[in-house]
Protein backbone atom coordinates (compact mmCIF):
# COMPACT_ATOMS: atom_id res chain seq x y z
CA UNK A 1 -22.76 -15.98 -10.22
CA UNK A 2 -21.75 -13.19 -12.73
CA UNK A 3 -20.98 -15.94 -15.01
CA UNK A 4 -24.90 -17.23 -14.98
CA UNK A 5 -26.05 -13.86 -15.52
CA UNK A 6 -26.37 -12.71 -11.96
CA UNK A 7 -25.69 -9.13 -11.31
CA UNK A 8 -26.31 -6.11 -8.71
CA UNK A 9 -27.50 -7.77 -5.35
CA UNK A 10 -27.98 -11.78 -4.87
CA UNK A 11 -29.55 -12.95 -2.13
CA UNK A 12 -28.33 -16.76 -1.08
CA UNK A 13 -29.32 -18.64 1.30
CA UNK A 14 -26.58 -20.87 3.00
CA UNK A 15 -28.90 -22.51 4.99
CA UNK A 16 -27.92 -22.89 9.20
CA UNK A 17 -24.92 -20.09 8.37
CA UNK A 18 -27.92 -17.75 7.32
CA UNK A 19 -28.86 -15.46 4.52
CA UNK A 20 -26.49 -13.20 2.81
CA UNK A 21 -26.71 -10.81 -0.11
CA UNK A 22 -23.87 -10.38 -2.37
CA UNK A 23 -22.90 -7.49 -3.98
CA UNK A 24 -21.45 -7.81 -7.61
CA UNK A 25 -21.30 -4.88 -9.26
CA UNK A 26 -19.53 -2.06 -8.21
CA UNK A 27 -22.37 0.34 -8.51
CA UNK A 28 -23.93 -2.04 -5.73
CA UNK A 29 -20.84 -2.00 -3.41
CA UNK A 30 -20.83 2.44 -3.81
CA UNK A 31 -24.26 2.24 -2.62
CA UNK A 32 -23.53 -0.03 0.61
CA UNK A 33 -20.57 1.36 1.31
CA UNK A 34 -20.94 5.09 0.64
CA UNK A 35 -24.58 5.81 -0.31
CA UNK A 36 -26.57 3.92 2.25
CA UNK A 37 -23.59 3.22 4.63
CA UNK A 38 -25.74 4.28 7.62
CA UNK A 39 -28.02 1.18 7.61
CA UNK A 40 -25.08 -1.15 6.97
CA UNK A 41 -23.01 0.38 9.94
CA UNK A 42 -22.06 -3.06 11.33
CA UNK A 43 -18.98 -5.58 9.94
CA UNK A 44 -19.91 -8.93 9.49
CA UNK A 45 -18.16 -10.62 12.20
CA UNK A 46 -18.03 -14.00 14.14
CA UNK A 47 -18.12 -14.77 17.91
CA UNK A 48 -14.55 -15.67 17.65
CA UNK A 49 -13.27 -12.78 16.86
CA UNK A 50 -14.91 -10.91 19.86
CA UNK A 51 -12.98 -13.34 22.17
CA UNK A 52 -9.84 -12.72 20.22
CA UNK A 53 -10.34 -8.98 20.65
CA UNK A 54 -10.47 -8.87 16.72
CA UNK A 55 -11.62 -5.82 14.79
CA UNK A 56 -13.38 -3.78 18.27
CA UNK A 57 -11.30 -0.98 17.94
CA UNK A 58 -12.08 1.09 14.94
CA UNK A 59 -13.21 -1.14 12.48
CA UNK A 60 -16.35 -2.84 14.25
CA UNK A 61 -19.21 -0.44 13.96
CA UNK A 62 -19.88 2.38 12.34
CA UNK A 63 -21.62 5.01 14.97
CA UNK A 64 -20.32 7.76 17.50
CA UNK A 65 -17.37 5.94 18.90
CA UNK A 66 -16.04 4.66 15.46
CA UNK A 67 -16.61 8.12 14.24
CA UNK A 68 -14.44 9.53 17.08
CA UNK A 69 -11.70 6.86 17.42
CA UNK A 70 -11.40 7.28 13.69
CA UNK A 71 -11.08 11.17 13.68
CA UNK A 72 -8.24 10.60 16.56
CA UNK A 73 -6.34 8.10 14.22
CA UNK A 74 -6.62 10.06 11.12
CA UNK A 75 -3.77 12.65 11.69
CA UNK A 76 -1.55 9.53 12.79
CA UNK A 77 -1.79 7.88 9.25
CA UNK A 78 -2.97 10.66 6.85
CA UNK A 79 -1.11 13.87 7.44
CA UNK A 80 2.33 14.44 5.63
CA UNK A 81 4.23 14.83 8.31
CA UNK A 82 2.48 11.13 10.09
CA UNK A 83 3.47 9.63 6.90
CA UNK A 84 6.94 10.90 6.76
CA UNK A 85 7.62 9.49 10.11
CA UNK A 86 6.42 6.12 8.51
CA UNK A 87 8.07 6.42 5.90
CA UNK A 88 11.07 6.94 7.47
CA UNK A 89 10.95 3.95 9.38
CA UNK A 90 10.09 2.20 6.84
CA UNK A 91 13.44 3.12 4.93
CA UNK A 92 15.36 2.68 8.13
CA UNK A 93 13.83 -1.09 8.61
CA UNK A 94 14.62 -1.91 4.95
CA UNK A 95 18.40 -1.02 5.78
CA UNK A 96 18.30 -3.34 8.71
CA UNK A 97 16.30 -6.26 6.39
CA UNK A 98 18.73 -5.62 3.99
CA UNK A 99 22.02 -5.94 6.32
CA UNK A 100 20.38 -9.17 7.24
CA UNK A 101 19.53 -10.79 4.06
CA UNK A 102 23.26 -9.51 3.13
CA UNK A 103 24.56 -11.58 5.93
CA UNK A 104 22.47 -14.62 5.18
CA UNK A 105 23.46 -14.40 1.42
CA UNK A 106 26.78 -14.68 2.06
CA UNK A 107 26.65 -18.37 4.27
CA UNK A 108 26.13 -21.51 2.27
CA UNK A 109 22.41 -21.75 3.43
CA UNK A 110 20.89 -18.30 2.00
CA UNK A 111 17.62 -19.92 2.27
CA UNK A 112 14.76 -17.49 3.66
CA UNK A 113 11.10 -17.65 4.44
CA UNK A 114 10.48 -13.95 2.69
CA UNK A 115 6.76 -13.95 3.93
CA UNK A 116 8.06 -14.47 7.52
CA UNK A 117 11.03 -11.76 7.03
CA UNK A 118 8.43 -9.13 5.98
CA UNK A 119 5.95 -9.63 8.51
CA UNK A 120 8.28 -9.18 11.12
CA UNK A 121 9.73 -5.77 9.26
CA UNK A 122 6.48 -4.53 8.85
CA UNK A 123 5.48 -5.36 12.40
CA UNK A 124 8.72 -3.24 13.40
CA UNK A 125 7.55 -0.19 11.41
CA UNK A 126 4.21 -0.08 12.93
CA UNK A 127 5.53 -0.63 16.83
CA UNK A 128 8.34 2.13 16.14
CA UNK A 129 5.75 4.64 14.65
CA UNK A 130 2.33 3.80 15.77
CA UNK A 131 3.45 3.00 19.74
CA UNK A 132 6.28 5.40 19.76
CA UNK A 133 8.81 2.62 20.37
CA UNK A 134 11.61 3.32 17.55
CA UNK A 135 14.87 5.09 18.15
CA UNK A 136 13.04 8.18 17.26
CA UNK A 137 9.99 7.65 19.64
CA UNK A 138 8.86 9.07 22.81
CA UNK A 139 9.07 6.15 25.01
CA UNK A 140 12.06 3.32 26.13
CA UNK A 141 10.15 0.94 26.84
CA UNK A 142 11.88 -1.61 28.59
CA UNK A 143 10.01 -4.76 27.23
CA UNK A 144 9.33 -3.50 23.75
CA UNK A 145 11.23 -6.84 22.30
CA UNK A 146 9.10 -9.21 24.72
CA UNK A 147 5.97 -7.03 23.46
CA UNK A 148 6.76 -7.45 19.80
CA UNK A 149 7.47 -11.51 20.37
CA UNK A 150 4.06 -11.62 21.76
CA UNK A 151 2.24 -10.18 19.17
CA UNK A 152 4.05 -11.75 16.41
CA UNK A 153 2.70 -15.03 18.26
CA UNK A 154 -0.34 -13.58 18.86
CA UNK A 155 -0.82 -13.48 14.79
CA UNK A 156 0.30 -16.30 14.05
CA UNK A 157 -1.92 -18.46 16.51
CA UNK A 158 -5.04 -16.21 15.34
CA UNK A 159 -4.09 -17.48 11.77
CA UNK A 160 -3.66 -21.33 12.78
CA UNK A 161 -7.10 -21.12 14.38
CA UNK A 162 -8.70 -19.75 11.50
CA UNK A 163 -7.29 -22.57 9.50
CA UNK A 164 -7.95 -25.30 11.88
CA UNK A 165 -9.51 -28.50 10.46
CA UNK A 166 -11.68 -29.81 11.80
CA UNK A 167 -12.41 -26.62 13.37
CA UNK A 168 -11.99 -27.63 17.01
CA UNK A 169 -12.95 -23.75 18.40
CA UNK A 170 -16.37 -24.29 17.00
CA UNK A 171 -17.01 -27.65 18.58
CA UNK A 172 -15.61 -27.77 21.71
CA UNK A 173 -13.04 -24.63 22.16
CA UNK A 174 -10.73 -26.25 25.08
CA UNK A 175 -10.28 -28.99 22.68
CA UNK A 176 -8.33 -26.98 20.59
CA UNK A 177 -4.71 -26.14 21.29
CA UNK A 178 -4.40 -22.83 19.45
CA UNK A 179 -7.52 -21.52 21.08
CA UNK A 180 -6.49 -22.49 24.60
CA UNK A 181 -2.77 -20.73 24.07
CA UNK A 182 -4.39 -17.48 22.58
CA UNK A 183 -6.90 -17.19 25.33
CA UNK A 184 -5.35 -18.35 28.59
CA UNK A 185 -1.61 -17.17 27.59
CA UNK A 186 -1.09 -15.02 24.38
CA UNK A 187 -3.96 -12.90 24.71
CA UNK A 188 -3.34 -12.20 28.61
CA UNK A 189 0.11 -11.13 28.19
CA UNK A 190 -0.73 -9.57 25.38
CA UNK A 191 -3.51 -7.50 27.03
CA UNK A 192 -0.96 -7.03 30.41
CA UNK A 193 2.33 -5.61 28.01
CA UNK A 194 -0.15 -3.10 26.19
CA UNK A 195 -1.26 -2.13 29.37
CA UNK A 196 2.08 -1.35 30.84
CA UNK A 197 3.20 0.34 27.42
CA UNK A 198 -0.07 2.54 28.21
CA UNK A 199 0.59 3.55 31.46
CA UNK A 200 4.30 4.28 30.97
CA UNK A 201 3.15 6.97 28.23
CA UNK A 202 0.48 8.26 30.59
CA UNK A 203 3.28 8.82 32.79
CA UNK A 204 5.36 10.60 30.41
CA UNK A 205 6.77 13.85 31.42
CA UNK A 206 7.02 17.20 29.50
CA UNK A 207 10.38 15.66 28.12
CA UNK A 208 9.02 12.38 26.27
CA UNK A 209 5.88 14.34 25.15
CA UNK A 210 8.08 16.80 23.43
CA UNK A 211 9.73 13.82 21.41
CA UNK A 212 6.56 12.25 20.14
CA UNK A 213 6.43 12.46 16.56
CA UNK A 214 2.66 13.09 14.52
CA UNK A 215 2.37 9.56 13.89
CA UNK A 216 2.81 8.51 17.28
CA UNK A 217 -0.90 7.08 17.57
CA UNK A 218 -0.36 5.84 20.99
CA UNK A 219 0.56 9.62 22.50
CA UNK A 220 -2.50 10.81 20.85
CA UNK A 221 -4.82 8.01 22.24
CA UNK A 222 -3.70 8.54 26.08
CA UNK A 223 -4.40 12.23 25.67
CA UNK A 224 -7.59 11.65 24.37
CA UNK A 225 -8.55 8.57 25.71
CA UNK A 226 -9.08 7.40 29.64
CA UNK A 227 -10.28 4.14 29.56
CA UNK A 228 -7.03 1.62 28.61
CA UNK A 229 -9.14 -1.17 27.03
CA UNK A 230 -10.48 1.56 24.18
CA UNK A 231 -6.80 2.56 23.93
CA UNK A 232 -5.82 -1.36 23.40
CA UNK A 233 -8.54 -2.46 20.89
CA UNK A 234 -7.72 0.49 18.85
CA UNK A 235 -3.94 -0.46 18.87
CA UNK A 236 -4.53 -4.18 18.00
CA UNK A 237 -6.65 -3.26 14.81
CA UNK A 238 -3.47 -0.80 13.91
CA UNK A 239 -1.46 -3.68 14.38
CA UNK A 240 -3.11 -6.64 12.09
CA UNK A 241 -4.20 -4.27 9.60
CA UNK A 242 -0.75 -2.15 9.52
CA UNK A 243 1.33 -5.21 9.29
CA UNK A 244 0.07 -8.14 7.28
CA UNK A 245 -1.31 -5.75 4.30
CA UNK A 246 2.02 -4.23 3.65
CA UNK A 247 3.63 -8.11 4.26
CA UNK A 248 1.94 -9.84 1.93
CA UNK A 249 1.92 -7.37 -0.98
CA UNK A 250 5.36 -6.84 -0.69
CA UNK A 251 5.94 -10.71 -0.95
CA UNK A 252 3.57 -11.76 -3.45
CA UNK A 253 4.66 -8.59 -5.60
CA UNK A 254 8.38 -9.92 -5.45
CA UNK A 255 7.29 -13.82 -5.91
CA UNK A 256 5.58 -12.74 -9.15
CA UNK A 257 8.45 -10.69 -10.65
CA UNK A 258 10.28 -13.41 -10.56
CA UNK A 259 8.21 -15.77 -12.53
CA UNK A 260 9.22 -16.59 -15.95
CA UNK A 261 6.73 -14.82 -17.24
CA UNK A 262 7.46 -11.61 -15.75
CA UNK A 263 10.90 -10.88 -16.82
CA UNK A 264 10.12 -7.96 -18.34
CA UNK A 265 8.57 -5.92 -15.50
CA UNK A 266 11.12 -7.48 -13.01
CA UNK A 267 13.95 -5.66 -15.57
CA UNK A 268 11.71 -2.37 -15.75
CA UNK A 269 11.13 -2.15 -11.55
CA UNK A 270 14.87 -2.94 -10.99
CA UNK A 271 16.16 -0.39 -13.96
CA UNK A 272 14.09 2.20 -12.15
CA UNK A 273 14.64 1.19 -8.67
CA UNK A 274 18.24 1.64 -9.42
CA UNK A 275 17.78 4.79 -11.00
CA UNK A 276 16.12 6.11 -8.35
CA UNK A 277 18.18 4.98 -5.47
CA UNK A 278 15.08 2.66 -4.81
CA UNK A 279 13.56 5.97 -3.52
CA UNK A 280 15.80 6.83 -0.32
CA UNK A 281 16.25 10.03 -1.51
CA UNK A 282 13.24 10.75 -3.06
CA UNK A 283 10.41 13.41 -1.17
CA UNK A 284 7.64 11.66 0.42
CA UNK A 285 5.34 13.72 -2.12
CA UNK A 286 7.41 12.40 -5.32
CA UNK A 287 7.82 8.81 -4.61
CA UNK A 288 4.48 7.77 -6.59
CA UNK A 289 5.57 10.07 -9.37
CA UNK A 290 9.22 9.32 -9.76
CA UNK A 291 8.42 5.56 -9.47
CA UNK A 292 5.91 4.75 -11.43
CA UNK A 293 6.61 1.31 -12.49
CA UNK A 294 7.10 -0.27 -8.84
CA UNK A 295 3.51 1.75 -7.73
CA UNK A 296 2.06 0.05 -10.74
CA UNK A 297 3.28 -3.10 -9.86
CA UNK A 298 2.00 -2.80 -6.37
CA UNK A 299 -1.77 -1.74 -7.90
CA UNK A 300 -1.73 -4.58 -9.49
CA UNK A 301 -0.83 -6.77 -7.12
CA UNK A 302 -3.28 -5.74 -4.75
CA UNK A 303 -6.00 -5.72 -7.69
CA UNK A 304 -5.32 -9.72 -8.13
CA UNK A 305 -4.37 -10.52 -4.30
CA UNK A 306 -6.00 -8.33 -2.08
CA UNK A 307 -5.59 -8.90 1.90
CA UNK A 308 -8.76 -9.40 2.57
CA UNK A 309 -11.01 -11.14 0.05
CA UNK A 310 -14.54 -10.44 1.69
CA UNK A 311 -15.91 -7.79 3.58
CA UNK A 312 -19.41 -8.03 5.04
CA UNK A 313 -21.89 -5.26 6.42
CA UNK A 314 -24.53 -6.01 8.26
CA UNK A 315 -27.88 -3.71 8.61
CA UNK A 316 -29.35 -1.97 11.93
CA UNK A 317 -32.14 -0.29 10.06
CA UNK A 318 -34.47 -0.41 7.45
CA UNK A 319 -33.94 1.07 3.80
CA UNK A 320 -33.07 0.14 0.53
CA UNK A 321 -29.85 -0.03 -1.99
CA UNK A 322 -30.24 1.17 -5.41
CA UNK A 323 -32.96 3.77 -5.52
CA UNK A 324 -35.41 0.96 -4.10
CA UNK A 325 -34.43 -1.97 -6.00
CA UNK A 326 -32.81 -4.02 -3.21
CA UNK A 327 -34.68 -3.51 0.44
CA UNK A 328 -32.90 -4.01 3.36
CA UNK A 329 -33.90 -5.15 6.90
CA UNK A 330 -32.29 -5.16 10.29
CA UNK A 331 -29.92 -8.07 10.41
CA UNK A 332 -29.41 -8.37 6.67
CA UNK A 333 -26.00 -9.08 5.45
CA UNK A 334 -24.77 -7.36 2.09
CA UNK A 335 -20.75 -8.65 1.31
CA UNK A 336 -18.47 -7.70 -1.30
CA UNK A 337 -15.26 -9.43 -2.68
CA UNK A 338 -12.30 -7.40 -3.41
CA UNK A 339 -10.96 -10.28 -5.06
CA UNK A 340 -13.68 -10.88 -7.13
CA UNK A 341 -14.28 -7.17 -8.20
CA UNK A 342 -10.15 -7.05 -8.87
CA UNK A 343 -10.65 -9.61 -11.37
CA UNK A 344 -14.20 -9.03 -12.70
CA UNK A 345 -13.77 -9.61 -16.39
CA UNK A 346 -16.73 -6.96 -17.35
CA UNK A 347 -14.50 -4.22 -15.59
CA UNK A 348 -10.94 -5.25 -16.29
CA UNK A 349 -9.64 -6.22 -19.81
CA UNK A 350 -7.20 -9.40 -19.64
CA UNK A 351 -8.79 -9.56 -16.08
CA UNK A 352 -6.52 -12.56 -14.96
CA UNK A 353 -2.95 -11.39 -16.18
CA UNK A 354 -0.46 -9.88 -14.22
CA UNK A 355 0.03 -6.43 -16.27
CA UNK A 356 1.10 -3.59 -14.34
CA UNK A 357 0.91 -1.59 -17.67
CA UNK A 358 -3.01 -1.03 -17.04
CA UNK A 359 -1.75 1.49 -13.96
CA UNK A 360 0.92 3.35 -15.99
CA UNK A 361 -1.66 3.85 -18.84
CA UNK A 362 -4.44 4.73 -16.16
CA UNK A 363 -3.26 5.74 -12.72
CA UNK A 364 -6.54 6.73 -11.37
CA UNK A 365 -8.52 3.37 -12.35
CA UNK A 366 -6.29 1.09 -14.20
CA UNK A 367 -8.53 1.17 -17.40
CA UNK A 368 -11.51 -0.07 -15.34
CA UNK A 369 -14.91 1.89 -15.89
CA UNK A 370 -15.52 2.14 -12.38
CA UNK A 371 -12.89 3.02 -9.01
CA UNK A 372 -15.23 0.61 -7.08
CA UNK A 373 -13.49 -2.47 -9.01
CA UNK A 374 -10.14 -1.59 -7.18
CA UNK A 375 -11.15 -2.27 -3.49
CA UNK A 376 -8.35 -3.36 -1.93
CA UNK A 377 -8.59 -0.82 1.35
CA UNK A 378 -12.17 -0.80 1.20
CA UNK A 379 -14.38 1.91 0.90
CA UNK A 380 -16.38 4.78 2.25
CA UNK A 381 -16.38 5.88 5.87
CA UNK A 382 -15.41 2.03 6.69
CA UNK A 383 -12.10 2.27 4.61
CA UNK A 384 -8.73 1.76 5.24
CA UNK A 385 -6.94 4.56 6.83
CA UNK A 386 -3.54 3.70 5.52
CA UNK A 387 -4.55 3.61 2.00
CA UNK A 388 -1.80 6.25 0.73
CA UNK A 389 0.84 4.95 3.04
CA UNK A 390 0.58 1.04 2.95
CA UNK A 391 0.83 1.78 -1.09
CA UNK A 392 4.19 3.67 -0.45
CA UNK A 393 5.39 1.41 2.45
CA UNK A 394 5.19 -1.52 -0.59
CA UNK A 395 6.76 0.45 -3.32
CA UNK A 396 9.73 1.04 -1.15
CA UNK A 397 10.04 -2.52 0.04
CA UNK A 398 9.91 -3.93 -3.63
CA UNK A 399 12.35 -1.26 -5.03
CA UNK A 400 14.65 -1.67 -2.21
CA UNK A 401 14.98 -5.61 -2.46
CA UNK A 402 15.01 -5.91 -6.17
CA UNK A 403 18.38 -3.29 -6.36
CA UNK A 404 19.89 -5.47 -3.41
CA UNK A 405 19.05 -9.36 -4.08
CA UNK A 406 17.96 -11.97 -6.70
CA UNK A 407 15.57 -14.14 -5.50
CA UNK A 408 15.04 -17.78 -6.56
CA UNK A 409 11.84 -19.04 -5.28
CA UNK A 410 11.04 -22.98 -4.38
CA UNK A 411 7.70 -22.71 -5.46
CA UNK A 412 7.12 -21.89 -9.21
CA UNK A 413 4.16 -21.05 -11.23
CA UNK A 414 0.62 -19.16 -10.28
CA UNK A 415 1.23 -17.49 -6.67
CA UNK A 416 -0.17 -20.21 -3.72
CA UNK A 417 -2.83 -18.40 -2.55
CA UNK A 418 -4.62 -19.07 0.51
CA UNK A 419 -6.82 -16.89 2.66
CA UNK A 420 -7.84 -17.30 6.38
CA UNK A 421 -8.25 -14.13 8.32
CA UNK A 422 -6.30 -12.18 5.21
CA UNK A 423 -4.37 -12.98 2.49
CA UNK A 424 -1.72 -15.67 3.90
CA UNK A 425 1.30 -17.09 2.16
CA UNK A 426 3.01 -18.52 5.07
CA UNK A 427 5.25 -21.61 4.21
CA UNK A 428 5.50 -21.29 0.24
CA UNK A 429 7.93 -18.13 0.11
CA UNK A 430 10.88 -20.05 0.86
CA UNK A 431 13.55 -18.90 -1.40
CA UNK A 432 17.07 -18.51 -2.07
CA UNK A 433 18.81 -14.81 -1.98
CA UNK A 434 21.66 -13.82 -3.95
CA UNK A 435 23.47 -10.35 -3.08
CA UNK A 436 23.37 -8.61 -6.41
CA UNK A 437 26.11 -6.08 -5.64
CA UNK A 438 27.99 -4.68 -3.05
CA UNK A 439 26.55 -2.55 -0.93
CA UNK A 440 27.80 1.02 -2.43
CA UNK A 441 27.59 4.27 -0.85
CA UNK A 442 24.25 5.22 -2.73
CA UNK A 443 22.19 2.14 -1.57
């Protein structure tokens, strides 16, 4: 659209799919997500999401319930002590992941699906900390492994459902195996397991409560919410947001670094990782300043390959954007694309290139004239709770795996991108791993 001279807000009539207004400039995105967010409070959604219980905890609609839920969640993600719990769990999980990879690297068949492995690892961190199910958590839930496997299948099935061709769930849902599997088996089982976790936490004695850490979101929720369904929906949102973003970004970063044109960045990142002991001994508040190369790589990957390519907001009231220039009526949907904003050549130099140097030169905006050009985590009241945390987790993951392993990906060339609910690298990140050095006392 922008190549044809469009800018600002562009209305597009998609016939039976409705009329949409596309936000093409950072200024228009700021207006919709910050300045006039009260008239665009509802996340664009489809009926399937409600059936699958997606986007209903924190994400769906900005209002009193959203404010209450987000207010409860903020301390578990943004306070320093909470972030330290997450970072500690991330480092411990990376220890386990590295040991697993070391064992596979010593086998004749050392091929792995890196994306699948990173998804498992990221999910473990969320369950360990947000659910309080880790080694240091407040709860010793006996069915934790079953819960983890059920959540993993839930995520796998909803992605498969979104990718169905033809989309049987739209035509006749009961003809779709994935739809039936999710709605009849996986989701009911997941509800049951999560409800058991919630009830176990409600019955927890004082000793259990004392063991809770600041990031133990479930512990916070059971103290403040009486409705188990409300608690469950918030946890569902956190699981999806907290696992897929970290996994896809870390995997994409490692893939890009191992492409021929990026060897310089691979060497720089690995050197920094070795010099900093992969961040293992660095205090949380110093990770980003001490590891600027790995941080810049993470930010550049998020610019080019944001976890969510498209975000929509639906109006519930009347108003306008940009000082009355664009009228808004109830039911209107306004959309922006973090993918497009991150690749807009009017905002970024060499917009299509993987060039982490832009973030070393300008750590705030990467050289873009507007900080609304980089929105992998959204913006405004509806922005992601875990922005700082996600960036830190990716930085540590990149550093640790670069120190321990070489990766030889079967796929070569540009990152094979596919989006469904989020960036999906399923099945295209197979690689052979080689252990770089024996594990020493530092790593």
